[in-house]
Amino acid sequence: MPAGPPARRGWQHKVSAIAAYRETCGYDHPGDPIGPEPSHHTPGQRAPGTRRSPPSAPVDGPDVRAMPDGRLWLIRGTHAAETAWAPRHVGKDLRLVRLGAF
């Protein structure tokens, strides 16, 4: 724990977020504070560990709530072409490296 009050407050804020995540997800390993990244099998565990803006806050991109169904289907259909340039997802590789480290 840091000695100075401002640094201590920041440290306590970070520790409280980790403690809340551990309590919410039922993770209690003594040597690994946060555990592995939640997988797609446990999406409920992902939300407590991420910082998100409130639902009413504006986000980047189009507001799809008011779009007609035809427009949404068009957006869905063009997703593969729009993301083909992106690098491949390395989440599984990172998981295997983490498991290998243990």
PDB file of N, CA and C in Angstrom:
ATOM      1  N   MET A   1       0.848  -1.169   0.000  1.00  0.00           N
ATOM      2  CA  MET A   1       0.000   0.000   0.000  1.00  0.00           C
ATOM      3  C   MET A   1       0.898   1.238   0.000  1.00  0.00           C
ATOM      4  N   PRO A   2       0.619   2.189  -0.863  1.00  0.00           N
ATOM      5  CA  PRO A   2       1.415   3.424  -0.894  1.00  0.00           C
ATOM      6  C   PRO A   2       1.280   4.218   0.401  1.00  0.00           C
ATOM      7  N   ALA A   3       2.303   4.986   0.712  1.00  0.00           N
ATOM      8  CA  ALA A   3       2.319   5.741   1.965  1.00  0.00           C
ATOM      9  C   ALA A   3       1.540   7.051   1.865  1.00  0.00           C
ATOM     10  N   GLY A   4       1.618   7.731   0.729  1.00  0.00           N
ATOM     11  CA  GLY A   4       0.965   9.034   0.584  1.00  0.00           C
ATOM     12  C   GLY A   4      -0.540   8.907   0.406  1.00  0.00           C
ATOM     13  N   PRO A   5      -1.316   9.853   0.996  1.00  0.00           N
ATOM     14  CA  PRO A   5      -2.783   9.786   0.879  1.00  0.00           C
ATOM     15  C   PRO A   5      -3.315   9.775  -0.554  1.00  0.00           C
ATOM     16  N   PRO A   6      -2.823  10.621  -1.486  1.00  0.00           N
ATOM     17  CA  PRO A   6      -3.379  10.569  -2.847  1.00  0.00           C
ATOM     18  C   PRO A   6      -3.095   9.225  -3.532  1.00  0.00           C
ATOM     19  N   ALA A   7      -1.886   8.726  -3.384  1.00  0.00           N
ATOM     20  CA  ALA A   7      -1.540   7.449  -4.001  1.00  0.00           C
ATOM     21  C   ALA A   7      -2.311   6.314  -3.343  1.00  0.00           C
ATOM     22  N   ARG A   8      -2.525   6.413  -2.037  1.00  0.00           N
ATOM     23  CA  ARG A   8      -3.260   5.379  -1.325  1.00  0.00           C
ATOM     24  C   ARG A   8      -4.712   5.311  -1.798  1.00  0.00           C
ATOM     25  N   ARG A   9      -5.327   6.479  -2.034  1.00  0.00           N
ATOM     26  CA  ARG A   9      -6.715   6.488  -2.523  1.00  0.00           C
ATOM     27  C   ARG A   9      -6.821   5.807  -3.884  1.00  0.00           C
ATOM     28  N   GLY A  10      -5.877   6.110  -4.774  1.00  0.00           N
ATOM     29  CA  GLY A  10      -5.876   5.457  -6.086  1.00  0.00           C
ATOM     30  C   GLY A  10      -5.684   3.957  -5.969  1.00  0.00           C
ATOM     31  N   TRP A  11      -4.789   3.551  -5.090  1.00  0.00           N
ATOM     32  CA  TRP A  11      -4.535   2.129  -4.879  1.00  0.00           C
ATOM     33  C   TRP A  11      -5.778   1.445  -4.311  1.00  0.00           C
ATOM     34  N   GLN A  12      -6.427   2.076  -3.331  1.00  0.00           N
ATOM     35  CA  GLN A  12      -7.631   1.495  -2.737  1.00  0.00           C
ATOM     36  C   GLN A  12      -8.752   1.384  -3.759  1.00  0.00           C
ATOM     37  N   HIS A  13      -8.843   2.356  -4.663  1.00  0.00           N
ATOM     38  CA  HIS A  13      -9.867   2.298  -5.709  1.00  0.00           C
ATOM     39  C   HIS A  13      -9.639   1.085  -6.608  1.00  0.00           C
ATOM     40  N   LYS A  14      -8.382   0.870  -7.008  1.00  0.00           N
ATOM     41  CA  LYS A  14      -8.068  -0.274  -7.859  1.00  0.00           C
ATOM     42  C   LYS A  14      -8.305  -1.596  -7.131  1.00  0.00           C
ATOM     43  N   VAL A  15      -7.884  -1.660  -5.885  1.00  0.00           N
ATOM     44  CA  VAL A  15      -8.053  -2.890  -5.109  1.00  0.00           C
ATOM     45  C   VAL A  15      -9.529  -3.190  -4.878  1.00  0.00           C
ATOM     46  N   SER A  16     -10.327  -2.164  -4.652  1.00  0.00           N
ATOM     47  CA  SER A  16     -11.756  -2.401  -4.423  1.00  0.00           C
ATOM     48  C   SER A  16     -12.434  -2.941  -5.671  1.00  0.00           C
ATOM     49  N   ALA A  17     -11.988  -2.497  -6.853  1.00  0.00           N
ATOM     50  CA  ALA A  17     -12.553  -3.030  -8.092  1.00  0.00           C
ATOM     51  C   ALA A  17     -12.206  -4.510  -8.246  1.00  0.00           C
ATOM     52  N   ILE A  18     -10.974  -4.873  -7.916  1.00  0.00           N
ATOM     53  CA  ILE A  18     -10.565  -6.277  -8.004  1.00  0.00           C
ATOM     54  C   ILE A  18     -11.322  -7.107  -6.980  1.00  0.00           C
ATOM     55  N   ALA A  19     -11.475  -6.591  -5.759  1.00  0.00           N
ATOM     56  CA  ALA A  19     -12.209  -7.320  -4.726  1.00  0.00           C
ATOM     57  C   ALA A  19     -13.671  -7.518  -5.118  1.00  0.00           C
ATOM     58  N   ALA A  20     -14.273  -6.492  -5.716  1.00  0.00           N
ATOM     59  CA  ALA A  20     -15.666  -6.625  -6.161  1.00  0.00           C
ATOM     60  C   ALA A  20     -15.785  -7.674  -7.258  1.00  0.00           C
ATOM     61  N   TYR A  21     -14.832  -7.693  -8.183  1.00  0.00           N
ATOM     62  CA  TYR A  21     -14.841  -8.699  -9.248  1.00  0.00           C
ATOM     63  C   TYR A  21     -14.718 -10.101  -8.656  1.00  0.00           C
ATOM     64  N   ARG A  22     -13.777 -10.288  -7.726  1.00  0.00           N
ATOM     65  CA  ARG A  22     -13.567 -11.602  -7.105  1.00  0.00           C
ATOM     66  C   ARG A  22     -14.822 -12.058  -6.373  1.00  0.00           C
ATOM     67  N   GLU A  23     -15.471 -11.143  -5.663  1.00  0.00           N
ATOM     68  CA  GLU A  23     -16.668 -11.502  -4.920  1.00  0.00           C
ATOM     69  C   GLU A  23     -17.831 -11.819  -5.854  1.00  0.00           C
ATOM     70  N   THR A  24     -18.007 -10.997  -6.884  1.00  0.00           N
ATOM     71  CA  THR A  24     -19.109 -11.211  -7.826  1.00  0.00           C
ATOM     72  C   THR A  24     -18.970 -12.520  -8.579  1.00  0.00           C
ATOM     73  N   CYS A  25     -17.742 -12.845  -8.999  1.00  0.00           N
ATOM     74  CA  CYS A  25     -17.515 -14.032  -9.819  1.00  0.00           C
ATOM     75  C   CYS A  25     -17.182 -15.274  -8.998  1.00  0.00           C
ATOM     76  N   GLY A  26     -17.040 -15.129  -7.689  1.00  0.00           N
ATOM     77  CA  GLY A  26     -16.738 -16.270  -6.846  1.00  0.00           C
ATOM     78  C   GLY A  26     -15.327 -16.795  -7.038  1.00  0.00           C
ATOM     79  N   TYR A  27     -14.395 -15.932  -7.400  1.00  0.00           N
ATOM     80  CA  TYR A  27     -13.011 -16.340  -7.633  1.00  0.00           C
ATOM     81  C   TYR A  27     -12.226 -16.109  -6.354  1.00  0.00           C
ATOM     82  N   ASP A  28     -11.578 -17.157  -5.832  1.00  0.00           N
ATOM     83  CA  ASP A  28     -10.889 -17.006  -4.555  1.00  0.00           C
ATOM     84  C   ASP A  28      -9.500 -17.629  -4.525  1.00  0.00           C
ATOM     85  N   HIS A  29      -8.826 -17.676  -5.651  1.00  0.00           N
ATOM     86  CA  HIS A  29      -7.472 -18.231  -5.685  1.00  0.00           C
ATOM     87  C   HIS A  29      -6.542 -17.300  -4.899  1.00  0.00           C
ATOM     88  N   PRO A  30      -5.764 -17.839  -3.941  1.00  0.00           N
ATOM     89  CA  PRO A  30      -4.931 -16.957  -3.113  1.00  0.00           C
ATOM     90  C   PRO A  30      -3.729 -16.352  -3.830  1.00  0.00           C
ATOM     91  N   GLY A  31      -3.213 -17.015  -4.869  1.00  0.00           N
ATOM     92  CA  GLY A  31      -2.006 -16.518  -5.513  1.00  0.00           C
ATOM     93  C   GLY A  31      -2.226 -15.737  -6.787  1.00  0.00           C
ATOM     94  N   ASP A  32      -3.399 -15.810  -7.380  1.00  0.00           N
ATOM     95  CA  ASP A  32      -3.682 -15.120  -8.640  1.00  0.00           C
ATOM     96  C   ASP A  32      -4.860 -14.189  -8.407  1.00  0.00           C
ATOM     97  N   PRO A  33      -4.634 -12.870  -8.342  1.00  0.00           N
ATOM     98  CA  PRO A  33      -5.691 -11.962  -7.916  1.00  0.00           C
ATOM     99  C   PRO A  33      -6.921 -11.903  -8.813  1.00  0.00           C
ATOM    100  N   ILE A  34      -6.748 -11.951 -10.134  1.00  0.00           N
ATOM    101  CA  ILE A  34      -7.929 -11.777 -10.985  1.00  0.00           C
ATOM    102  C   ILE A  34      -8.248 -12.988 -11.840  1.00  0.00           C
ATOM    103  N   GLY A  35      -7.346 -13.939 -11.962  1.00  0.00           N
ATOM    104  CA  GLY A  35      -7.623 -15.147 -12.722  1.00  0.00           C
ATOM    105  C   GLY A  35      -7.590 -14.918 -14.215  1.00  0.00           C
ATOM    106  N   PRO A  36      -7.972 -15.953 -14.976  1.00  0.00           N
ATOM    107  CA  PRO A  36      -7.938 -15.830 -16.431  1.00  0.00           C
ATOM    108  C   PRO A  36      -9.042 -14.911 -16.950  1.00  0.00           C
ATOM    109  N   GLU A  37      -8.842 -14.453 -18.169  1.00  0.00           N
ATOM    110  CA  GLU A  37      -9.856 -13.614 -18.810  1.00  0.00           C
ATOM    111  C   GLU A  37     -11.124 -14.431 -19.004  1.00  0.00           C
ATOM    112  N   PRO A  38     -12.301 -13.869 -18.702  1.00  0.00           N
ATOM    113  CA  PRO A  38     -13.551 -14.605 -18.901  1.00  0.00           C
ATOM    114  C   PRO A  38     -13.734 -14.996 -20.366  1.00  0.00           C
ATOM    115  N   SER A  39     -14.241 -16.183 -20.589  1.00  0.00           N
ATOM    116  CA  SER A  39     -14.440 -16.660 -21.957  1.00  0.00           C
ATOM    117  C   SER A  39     -15.851 -16.335 -22.434  1.00  0.00           C
ATOM    118  N   HIS A  40     -16.147 -16.754 -23.647  1.00  0.00           N
ATOM    119  CA  HIS A  40     -17.493 -16.531 -24.172  1.00  0.00           C
ATOM    120  C   HIS A  40     -18.509 -17.427 -23.471  1.00  0.00           C
ATOM    121  N   HIS A  41     -18.047 -18.424 -22.733  1.00  0.00           N
ATOM    122  CA  HIS A  41     -18.955 -19.294 -21.982  1.00  0.00           C
ATOM    123  C   HIS A  41     -19.452 -18.619 -20.709  1.00  0.00           C
ATOM    124  N   THR A  42     -18.748 -17.591 -20.256  1.00  0.00           N
ATOM    125  CA  THR A  42     -19.111 -16.889 -19.024  1.00  0.00           C
ATOM    126  C   THR A  42     -19.176 -15.384 -19.267  1.00  0.00           C
ATOM    127  N   PRO A  43     -20.127 -14.918 -20.088  1.00  0.00           N
ATOM    128  CA  PRO A  43     -20.176 -13.481 -20.390  1.00  0.00           C
ATOM    129  C   PRO A  43     -20.519 -12.625 -19.182  1.00  0.00           C
ATOM    130  N   GLY A  44     -21.176 -13.177 -18.187  1.00  0.00           N
ATOM    131  CA  GLY A  44     -21.514 -12.415 -16.996  1.00  0.00           C
ATOM    132  C   GLY A  44     -20.298 -11.999 -16.205  1.00  0.00           C
ATOM    133  N   GLN A  45     -19.204 -12.746 -16.328  1.00  0.00           N
ATOM    134  CA  GLN A  45     -17.989 -12.390 -15.616  1.00  0.00           C
ATOM    135  C   GLN A  45     -17.237 -11.280 -16.320  1.00  0.00           C
ATOM    136  N   ARG A  46     -17.498 -11.068 -17.582  1.00  0.00           N
ATOM    137  CA  ARG A  46     -16.787 -10.028 -18.323  1.00  0.00           C
ATOM    138  C   ARG A  46     -17.252  -8.630 -17.907  1.00  0.00           C
ATOM    139  N   ALA A  47     -18.515  -8.450 -17.668  1.00  0.00           N
ATOM    140  CA  ALA A  47     -19.057  -7.128 -17.361  1.00  0.00           C
ATOM    141  C   ALA A  47     -18.466  -6.494 -16.103  1.00  0.00           C
ATOM    142  N   PRO A  48     -18.328  -7.222 -14.960  1.00  0.00           N
ATOM    143  CA  PRO A  48     -17.771  -6.555 -13.788  1.00  0.00           C
ATOM    144  C   PRO A  48     -16.336  -6.098 -13.979  1.00  0.00           C
ATOM    145  N   GLY A  49     -15.579  -6.735 -14.839  1.00  0.00           N
ATOM    146  CA  GLY A  49     -14.179  -6.376 -15.006  1.00  0.00           C
ATOM    147  C   GLY A  49     -13.923  -5.300 -16.031  1.00  0.00           C
ATOM    148  N   THR A  50     -14.941  -4.892 -16.734  1.00  0.00           N
ATOM    149  CA  THR A  50     -14.744  -3.869 -17.754  1.00  0.00           C
ATOM    150  C   THR A  50     -15.362  -2.560 -17.302  1.00  0.00           C
ATOM    151  N   ARG A  51     -14.748  -1.489 -17.736  1.00  0.00           N
ATOM    152  CA  ARG A  51     -15.314  -0.176 -17.423  1.00  0.00           C
ATOM    153  C   ARG A  51     -16.169   0.240 -18.609  1.00  0.00           C
ATOM    154  N   ARG A  52     -17.428   0.455 -18.345  1.00  0.00           N
ATOM    155  CA  ARG A  52     -18.342   0.842 -19.414  1.00  0.00           C
ATOM    156  C   ARG A  52     -19.015   2.153 -19.042  1.00  0.00           C
ATOM    157  N   SER A  53     -19.404   2.876 -20.064  1.00  0.00           N
ATOM    158  CA  SER A  53     -20.136   4.104 -19.812  1.00  0.00           C
ATOM    159  C   SER A  53     -21.592   3.749 -19.544  1.00  0.00           C
ATOM    160  N   PRO A  54     -22.327   4.626 -18.900  1.00  0.00           N
ATOM    161  CA  PRO A  54     -23.742   4.357 -18.667  1.00  0.00           C
ATOM    162  C   PRO A  54     -24.488   4.174 -19.979  1.00  0.00           C
ATOM    163  N   PRO A  55     -25.579   3.414 -19.994  1.00  0.00           N
ATOM    164  CA  PRO A  55     -26.311   3.169 -21.238  1.00  0.00           C
ATOM    165  C   PRO A  55     -26.793   4.438 -21.923  1.00  0.00           C
ATOM    166  N   SER A  56     -27.011   5.502 -21.177  1.00  0.00           N
ATOM    167  CA  SER A  56     -27.515   6.727 -21.791  1.00  0.00           C
ATOM    168  C   SER A  56     -26.415   7.568 -22.424  1.00  0.00           C
ATOM    169  N   ALA A  57     -25.149   7.223 -22.177  1.00  0.00           N
ATOM    170  CA  ALA A  57     -24.054   8.015 -22.722  1.00  0.00           C
ATOM    171  C   ALA A  57     -23.889   7.753 -24.214  1.00  0.00           C
ATOM    172  N   PRO A  58     -23.537   8.766 -24.991  1.00  0.00           N
ATOM    173  CA  PRO A  58     -23.331   8.550 -26.424  1.00  0.00           C
ATOM    174  C   PRO A  58     -22.099   7.682 -26.675  1.00  0.00           C
ATOM    175  N   VAL A  59     -22.156   6.897 -27.728  1.00  0.00           N
ATOM    176  CA  VAL A  59     -21.041   6.041 -28.107  1.00  0.00           C
ATOM    177  C   VAL A  59     -20.664   6.344 -29.546  1.00  0.00           C
ATOM    178  N   ASP A  60     -19.465   5.918 -29.931  1.00  0.00           N
ATOM    179  CA  ASP A  60     -19.047   6.102 -31.314  1.00  0.00           C
ATOM    180  C   ASP A  60     -19.823   5.146 -32.201  1.00  0.00           C
ATOM    181  N   GLY A  61     -20.200   5.598 -33.376  1.00  0.00           N
ATOM    182  CA  GLY A  61     -20.906   4.750 -34.316  1.00  0.00           C
ATOM    183  C   GLY A  61     -22.375   5.117 -34.405  1.00  0.00           C
ATOM    184  N   PRO A  62     -23.091   4.441 -35.285  1.00  0.00           N
ATOM    185  CA  PRO A  62     -24.503   4.778 -35.494  1.00  0.00           C
ATOM    186  C   PRO A  62     -25.377   4.315 -34.327  1.00  0.00           C
ATOM    187  N   ASP A  63     -26.474   5.025 -34.123  1.00  0.00           N
ATOM    188  CA  ASP A  63     -27.459   4.633 -33.122  1.00  0.00           C
ATOM    189  C   ASP A  63     -28.411   3.643 -33.788  1.00  0.00           C
ATOM    190  N   VAL A  64     -28.241   2.366 -33.489  1.00  0.00           N
ATOM    191  CA  VAL A  64     -29.008   1.329 -34.180  1.00  0.00           C
ATOM    192  C   VAL A  64     -30.389   1.120 -33.578  1.00  0.00           C
ATOM    193  N   ARG A  65     -30.675   1.754 -32.467  1.00  0.00           N
ATOM    194  CA  ARG A  65     -31.973   1.527 -31.816  1.00  0.00           C
ATOM    195  C   ARG A  65     -33.153   1.968 -32.671  1.00  0.00           C
ATOM    196  N   ALA A  66     -32.986   2.998 -33.468  1.00  0.00           N
ATOM    197  CA  ALA A  66     -34.096   3.527 -34.253  1.00  0.00           C
ATOM    198  C   ALA A  66     -34.044   3.102 -35.719  1.00  0.00           C
ATOM    199  N   MET A  67     -33.069   2.279 -36.094  1.00  0.00           N
ATOM    200  CA  MET A  67     -32.943   1.878 -37.501  1.00  0.00           C
ATOM    201  C   MET A  67     -33.994   0.821 -37.865  1.00  0.00           C
ATOM    202  N   PRO A  68     -34.504   0.883 -39.100  1.00  0.00           N
ATOM    203  CA  PRO A  68     -35.442  -0.147 -39.544  1.00  0.00           C
ATOM    204  C   PRO A  68     -34.720  -1.493 -39.715  1.00  0.00           C
ATOM    205  N   ASP A  69     -35.480  -2.569 -39.696  1.00  0.00           N
ATOM    206  CA  ASP A  69     -34.905  -3.910 -39.786  1.00  0.00           C
ATOM    207  C   ASP A  69     -34.066  -4.107 -41.047  1.00  0.00           C
ATOM    208  N   GLY A  70     -34.529  -3.566 -42.182  1.00  0.00           N
ATOM    209  CA  GLY A  70     -33.786  -3.735 -43.427  1.00  0.00           C
ATOM    210  C   GLY A  70     -32.375  -3.160 -43.338  1.00  0.00           C
ATOM    211  N   ARG A  71     -32.255  -2.002 -42.722  1.00  0.00           N
ATOM    212  CA  ARG A  71     -30.953  -1.368 -42.553  1.00  0.00           C
ATOM    213  C   ARG A  71     -30.055  -2.201 -41.635  1.00  0.00           C
ATOM    214  N   LEU A  72     -30.627  -2.754 -40.577  1.00  0.00           N
ATOM    215  CA  LEU A  72     -29.857  -3.602 -39.659  1.00  0.00           C
ATOM    216  C   LEU A  72     -29.360  -4.866 -40.361  1.00  0.00           C
ATOM    217  N   TRP A  73     -30.189  -5.458 -41.200  1.00  0.00           N
ATOM    218  CA  TRP A  73     -29.769  -6.648 -41.956  1.00  0.00           C
ATOM    219  C   TRP A  73     -28.638  -6.292 -42.919  1.00  0.00           C
ATOM    220  N   LEU A  74     -28.700  -5.112 -43.530  1.00  0.00           N
ATOM    221  CA  LEU A  74     -27.644  -4.678 -44.430  1.00  0.00           C
ATOM    222  C   LEU A  74     -26.322  -4.493 -43.669  1.00  0.00           C
ATOM    223  N   ILE A  75     -26.389  -3.865 -42.515  1.00  0.00           N
ATOM    224  CA  ILE A  75     -25.186  -3.691 -41.693  1.00  0.00           C
ATOM    225  C   ILE A  75     -24.616  -5.044 -41.308  1.00  0.00           C
ATOM    226  N   ARG A  76     -25.481  -5.963 -40.915  1.00  0.00           N
ATOM    227  CA  ARG A  76     -25.035  -7.304 -40.534  1.00  0.00           C
ATOM    228  C   ARG A  76     -24.383  -8.012 -41.716  1.00  0.00           C
ATOM    229  N   GLY A  77     -24.939  -7.853 -42.884  1.00  0.00           N
ATOM    230  CA  GLY A  77     -24.405  -8.516 -44.075  1.00  0.00           C
ATOM    231  C   GLY A  77     -23.052  -7.985 -44.515  1.00  0.00           C
ATOM    232  N   THR A  78     -22.781  -6.728 -44.249  1.00  0.00           N
ATOM    233  CA  THR A  78     -21.506  -6.146 -44.676  1.00  0.00           C
ATOM    234  C   THR A  78     -20.418  -6.248 -43.611  1.00  0.00           C
ATOM    235  N   HIS A  79     -20.730  -6.811 -42.475  1.00  0.00           N
ATOM    236  CA  HIS A  79     -19.764  -6.909 -41.379  1.00  0.00           C
ATOM    237  C   HIS A  79     -18.503  -7.675 -41.791  1.00  0.00           C
ATOM    238  N   ALA A  80     -18.653  -8.805 -42.450  1.00  0.00           N
ATOM    239  CA  ALA A  80     -17.484  -9.617 -42.841  1.00  0.00           C
ATOM    240  C   ALA A  80     -16.559  -8.833 -43.782  1.00  0.00           C
ATOM    241  N   ALA A  81     -17.137  -8.132 -44.744  1.00  0.00           N
ATOM    242  CA  ALA A  81     -16.317  -7.368 -45.680  1.00  0.00           C
ATOM    243  C   ALA A  81     -15.627  -6.189 -44.987  1.00  0.00           C
ATOM    244  N   GLU A  82     -16.316  -5.568 -44.065  1.00  0.00           N
ATOM    245  CA  GLU A  82     -15.761  -4.411 -43.371  1.00  0.00           C
ATOM    246  C   GLU A  82     -14.643  -4.791 -42.402  1.00  0.00           C
ATOM    247  N   THR A  83     -14.682  -5.989 -41.865  1.00  0.00           N
ATOM    248  CA  THR A  83     -13.677  -6.397 -40.878  1.00  0.00           C
ATOM    249  C   THR A  83     -12.634  -7.361 -41.447  1.00  0.00           C
ATOM    250  N   ALA A  84     -12.650  -7.628 -42.734  1.00  0.00           N
ATOM    251  CA  ALA A  84     -11.692  -8.567 -43.327  1.00  0.00           C
ATOM    252  C   ALA A  84     -10.251  -8.070 -43.198  1.00  0.00           C
ATOM    253  N   TRP A  85     -10.043  -6.777 -43.119  1.00  0.00           N
ATOM    254  CA  TRP A  85      -8.702  -6.210 -43.024  1.00  0.00           C
ATOM    255  C   TRP A  85      -8.123  -6.326 -41.620  1.00  0.00           C
ATOM    256  N   ALA A  86      -8.962  -6.589 -40.634  1.00  0.00           N
ATOM    257  CA  ALA A  86      -8.503  -6.601 -39.245  1.00  0.00           C
ATOM    258  C   ALA A  86      -7.593  -7.794 -38.968  1.00  0.00           C
ATOM    259  N   PRO A  87      -6.643  -7.642 -38.053  1.00  0.00           N
ATOM    260  CA  PRO A  87      -5.795  -8.789 -37.690  1.00  0.00           C
ATOM    261  C   PRO A  87      -6.623  -9.857 -36.993  1.00  0.00           C
ATOM    262  N   ARG A  88      -6.133 -11.083 -37.033  1.00  0.00           N
ATOM    263  CA  ARG A  88      -6.891 -12.177 -36.422  1.00  0.00           C
ATOM    264  C   ARG A  88      -6.930 -12.010 -34.904  1.00  0.00           C
ATOM    265  N   HIS A  89      -7.956 -12.586 -34.303  1.00  0.00           N
ATOM    266  CA  HIS A  89      -8.135 -12.514 -32.859  1.00  0.00           C
ATOM    267  C   HIS A  89      -7.142 -13.456 -32.180  1.00  0.00           C
ATOM    268  N   VAL A  90      -6.408 -12.964 -31.203  1.00  0.00           N
ATOM    269  CA  VAL A  90      -5.363 -13.768 -30.566  1.00  0.00           C
ATOM    270  C   VAL A  90      -5.727 -14.160 -29.134  1.00  0.00           C
ATOM    271  N   GLY A  91      -6.994 -14.070 -28.784  1.00  0.00           N
ATOM    272  CA  GLY A  91      -7.413 -14.399 -27.427  1.00  0.00           C
ATOM    273  C   GLY A  91      -7.076 -15.822 -27.034  1.00  0.00           C
ATOM    274  N   LYS A  92      -7.290 -16.772 -27.937  1.00  0.00           N
ATOM    275  CA  LYS A  92      -6.993 -18.171 -27.624  1.00  0.00           C
ATOM    276  C   LYS A  92      -5.491 -18.373 -27.440  1.00  0.00           C
ATOM    277  N   ASP A  93      -4.686 -17.732 -28.282  1.00  0.00           N
ATOM    278  CA  ASP A  93      -3.231 -17.836 -28.147  1.00  0.00           C
ATOM    279  C   ASP A  93      -2.761 -17.268 -26.809  1.00  0.00           C
ATOM    280  N   LEU A  94      -3.313 -16.129 -26.411  1.00  0.00           N
ATOM    281  CA  LEU A  94      -2.948 -15.522 -25.136  1.00  0.00           C
ATOM    282  C   LEU A  94      -3.348 -16.425 -23.968  1.00  0.00           C
ATOM    283  N   ARG A  95      -4.500 -17.065 -24.093  1.00  0.00           N
ATOM    284  CA  ARG A  95      -4.951 -17.986 -23.042  1.00  0.00           C
ATOM    285  C   ARG A  95      -3.986 -19.148 -22.918  1.00  0.00           C
ATOM    286  N   LEU A  96      -3.545 -19.702 -24.048  1.00  0.00           N
ATOM    287  CA  LEU A  96      -2.624 -20.831 -24.013  1.00  0.00           C
ATOM    288  C   LEU A  96      -1.274 -20.430 -23.414  1.00  0.00           C
ATOM    289  N   VAL A  97      -0.811 -19.227 -23.705  1.00  0.00           N
ATOM    290  CA  VAL A  97       0.441 -18.741 -23.127  1.00  0.00           C
ATOM    291  C   VAL A  97       0.298 -18.607 -21.614  1.00  0.00           C
ATOM    292  N   ARG A  98      -0.852 -18.071 -21.200  1.00  0.00           N
ATOM    293  CA  ARG A  98      -1.090 -17.910 -19.760  1.00  0.00           C
ATOM    294  C   ARG A  98      -1.134 -19.276 -19.068  1.00  0.00           C
ATOM    295  N   LEU A  99      -1.818 -20.235 -19.671  1.00  0.00           N
ATOM    296  CA  LEU A  99      -1.868 -21.576 -19.084  1.00  0.00           C
ATOM    297  C   LEU A  99      -0.492 -22.213 -19.065  1.00  0.00           C
ATOM    298  N   GLY A 100       0.304 -21.984 -20.097  1.00  0.00           N
ATOM    299  CA  GLY A 100       1.657 -22.523 -20.142  1.00  0.00           C
ATOM    300  C   GLY A 100       2.541 -21.922 -19.064  1.00  0.00           C
ATOM    301  N   ALA A 101       2.275 -20.680 -18.711  1.00  0.00           N
ATOM    302  CA  ALA A 101       3.082 -20.030 -17.669  1.00  0.00           C
ATOM    303  C   ALA A 101       2.827 -20.653 -16.301  1.00  0.00           C
ATOM    304  N   PHE A 102       1.625 -21.181 -16.101  1.00  0.00           N
ATOM    305  CA  PHE A 102       1.335 -21.847 -14.821  1.00  0.00           C
ATOM    306  C   PHE A 102       1.979 -23.198 -14.799  1.00  0.00           C
TER     307      PHE A 102
END
